[in-house]
Amino acid sequence: MNQKVYLETSIISYLTARLSNDIITAGHQLATLDWWENHRHKFNILAAEIVVQEVSLGDAQMVQKRLDVLKDIPILAVTDKARNLAKTLFAKNAVPEKAAVDALHIAVATVEKIDFLATWNFKHIANARMKAKIEEVIRSENFEPLQICTLEELLGE
């Protein structure tokens, strides 16, 4: 059975955005495109209602491109169990309260027993200093932590 990957909003945005002039961002965009074209078939891909909400903001043409990417991806509901875990993540200082949406991404993917949460959000999700605390809180709430990673970490066989 293929492992499950939750695509956080930044993945969809990088996949559909015009190539950035910033060399690091452009590299992440190209890695996203490569993963999408050559590696996504190795995984069961999922997203959540909050991803749909986030990608629905902004320029209408870009919104449509982002929504088109999501059209064949199963969309997970944000359950009360996920909301409660998200609240616990910021109550225990694993994720700042101002990053409530980021906590929801982590919580939905955790509650749904997703193997990987793929993101380019290094501020509040794929943050090396925060990952250990996130994992500690998730375990304290009797959930199995998922792997938070970039798409580059999901390349290969």
Protein backbone atom coordinates (compact mmCIF):
# COMPACT_ATOMS: atom_id res chain seq x y z
CA MET A 1 0.00 0.00 0.00
CA ASN A 2 1.33 3.45 -0.92
CA GLN A 3 2.22 5.82 1.86
CA LYS A 4 -0.03 8.82 2.36
CA VAL A 5 1.15 12.39 1.80
CA TYR A 6 -0.77 15.43 2.98
CA LEU A 7 -0.08 18.42 0.74
CA GLU A 8 -0.03 21.64 2.72
CA THR A 9 -1.02 24.82 0.85
CA SER A 10 2.53 25.92 0.03
CA ILE A 11 2.98 22.82 -2.17
CA ILE A 12 -0.03 23.71 -4.32
CA SER A 13 1.08 27.34 -4.48
CA TYR A 14 4.63 26.48 -5.54
CA LEU A 15 3.33 24.05 -8.14
CA THR A 16 1.15 26.64 -9.85
CA ALA A 17 3.01 29.95 -9.32
CA ARG A 18 5.08 31.79 -11.88
CA LEU A 19 8.76 30.97 -11.42
CA SER A 20 10.21 33.19 -8.71
CA ASN A 21 13.22 35.46 -9.15
CA ASP A 22 14.42 34.30 -5.73
CA ILE A 23 16.83 31.44 -6.36
CA ILE A 24 15.81 29.42 -3.28
CA THR A 25 12.10 29.77 -3.96
CA ALA A 26 12.65 28.94 -7.64
CA GLY A 27 14.54 25.80 -6.59
CA HIS A 28 11.65 24.74 -4.39
CA GLN A 29 9.22 25.42 -7.22
CA LEU A 30 11.26 23.28 -9.62
CA ALA A 31 11.57 20.50 -7.03
CA THR A 32 7.79 20.64 -6.59
CA LEU A 33 7.21 20.37 -10.32
CA ASP A 34 9.66 17.45 -10.60
CA TRP A 35 8.00 15.63 -7.69
CA TRP A 36 4.54 16.26 -9.12
CA GLU A 37 5.47 14.99 -12.59
CA ASN A 38 7.76 12.11 -11.64
CA HIS A 39 7.10 10.92 -8.09
CA ARG A 40 3.56 11.68 -6.88
CA HIS A 41 2.24 8.43 -8.35
CA LYS A 42 4.21 6.59 -5.63
CA PHE A 43 1.98 8.05 -2.91
CA ASN A 44 -1.65 8.48 -1.94
CA ILE A 45 -2.03 12.25 -1.95
CA LEU A 46 -4.51 14.07 0.29
CA ALA A 47 -5.31 17.63 1.33
CA ALA A 48 -7.85 19.21 3.67
CA GLU A 49 -10.69 21.69 3.50
CA ILE A 50 -8.35 24.35 4.84
CA VAL A 51 -6.07 23.89 1.83
CA VAL A 52 -9.04 24.49 -0.47
CA GLN A 53 -9.93 27.61 1.51
CA GLU A 54 -6.38 28.96 1.38
CA VAL A 55 -5.85 28.34 -2.34
CA SER A 56 -9.20 30.00 -3.07
CA LEU A 57 -7.81 33.40 -2.09
CA GLY A 58 -6.22 35.88 -4.49
CA ASP A 59 -6.14 36.37 -8.25
CA ALA A 60 -9.03 34.52 -9.93
CA GLN A 61 -6.85 32.98 -12.66
CA MET A 62 -4.32 31.66 -10.13
CA VAL A 63 -7.13 30.45 -7.85
CA GLN A 64 -8.49 28.38 -10.72
CA LYS A 65 -5.04 26.87 -11.44
CA ARG A 66 -4.66 25.88 -7.79
CA LEU A 67 -8.17 24.45 -7.58
CA ASP A 68 -7.55 22.46 -10.78
CA VAL A 69 -4.59 20.77 -9.07
CA LEU A 70 -6.84 19.77 -6.17
CA LYS A 71 -9.74 18.47 -8.25
CA ASP A 72 -8.55 14.83 -8.20
CA ILE A 73 -7.15 14.86 -4.66
CA PRO A 74 -9.28 13.55 -1.79
CA ILE A 75 -10.14 16.39 0.57
CA LEU A 76 -10.21 15.69 4.31
CA ALA A 77 -12.63 17.37 6.69
CA VAL A 78 -11.37 19.40 9.63
CA THR A 79 -12.89 17.41 12.49
CA ASP A 80 -13.39 18.42 16.10
CA LYS A 81 -10.62 16.00 17.02
CA ALA A 82 -8.25 17.87 14.67
CA ARG A 83 -9.37 21.26 15.99
CA ASN A 84 -8.73 20.12 19.55
CA LEU A 85 -5.25 18.82 18.68
CA ALA A 86 -4.46 22.11 16.93
CA LYS A 87 -5.53 24.03 20.05
CA THR A 88 -3.31 21.80 22.15
CA LEU A 89 -0.36 22.42 19.80
CA PHE A 90 -0.48 26.12 20.49
CA ALA A 91 -1.58 25.80 24.14
CA LYS A 92 1.62 23.80 24.74
CA ASN A 93 3.74 26.22 22.68
CA ALA A 94 4.56 23.76 19.89
CA VAL A 95 3.07 26.13 17.29
CA PRO A 96 2.41 29.83 17.92
CA GLU A 97 -1.26 30.75 18.19
CA LYS A 98 -0.84 33.22 15.31
CA ALA A 99 -0.11 30.15 13.14
CA ALA A 100 -3.47 28.50 13.90
CA VAL A 101 -3.93 27.38 10.29
CA ASP A 102 -0.51 25.72 10.32
CA ALA A 103 -1.45 23.89 13.52
CA LEU A 104 -4.63 22.72 11.77
CA HIS A 105 -2.62 21.28 8.86
CA ILE A 106 -0.47 19.32 11.31
CA ALA A 107 -3.50 18.24 13.35
CA VAL A 108 -5.61 17.07 10.39
CA ALA A 109 -2.73 15.06 8.95
CA THR A 110 -1.98 13.55 12.38
CA VAL A 111 -5.57 12.63 13.23
CA GLU A 112 -6.03 11.07 9.77
CA LYS A 113 -2.86 8.99 10.27
CA ILE A 114 -1.06 10.44 7.28
CA ASP A 115 2.55 9.29 6.86
CA PHE A 116 4.01 12.58 5.60
CA LEU A 117 3.03 16.24 5.71
CA ALA A 118 4.74 17.88 2.73
CA THR A 119 5.34 21.62 3.01
CA TRP A 120 7.58 24.51 2.06
CA ASN A 121 6.50 26.40 5.19
CA PHE A 122 9.71 26.59 7.19
CA LYS A 123 8.42 29.19 9.63
CA HIS A 124 5.88 27.14 11.59
CA ILE A 125 5.73 23.63 10.12
CA ALA A 126 9.02 22.30 8.68
CA ASN A 127 11.00 24.14 11.32
CA ALA A 128 13.80 22.09 12.87
CA ARG A 129 13.46 23.88 16.22
CA MET A 130 9.71 23.25 16.37
CA LYS A 131 9.50 19.67 15.07
CA ALA A 132 10.62 18.04 18.34
CA LYS A 133 8.06 20.01 20.36
CA ILE A 134 5.32 19.24 17.81
CA GLU A 135 6.16 15.54 18.02
CA GLU A 136 6.22 15.67 21.85
CA VAL A 137 2.76 17.27 22.00
CA ILE A 138 1.33 14.86 19.45
CA ARG A 139 2.61 11.88 21.47
CA SER A 140 1.27 13.41 24.71
CA GLU A 141 -2.18 13.45 23.08
CA ASN A 142 -1.86 9.73 22.22
CA PHE A 143 -1.32 10.16 18.49
CA GLU A 144 1.51 8.81 16.39
CA PRO A 145 3.58 11.69 14.97
CA LEU A 146 3.82 12.03 11.22
CA GLN A 147 6.91 12.98 9.25
CA ILE A 148 6.97 16.68 8.38
CA CYS A 149 9.12 17.16 5.30
CA THR A 150 9.70 18.92 2.02
CA LEU A 151 9.09 17.26 -1.32
CA GLU A 152 12.85 16.93 -1.80
CA GLU A 153 12.82 14.50 1.11
CA LEU A 154 10.23 12.37 -0.72
CA LEU A 155 12.32 11.90 -3.86
CA GLY A 156 13.85 8.60 -4.77
CA GLU A 157 12.59 5.08 -4.82
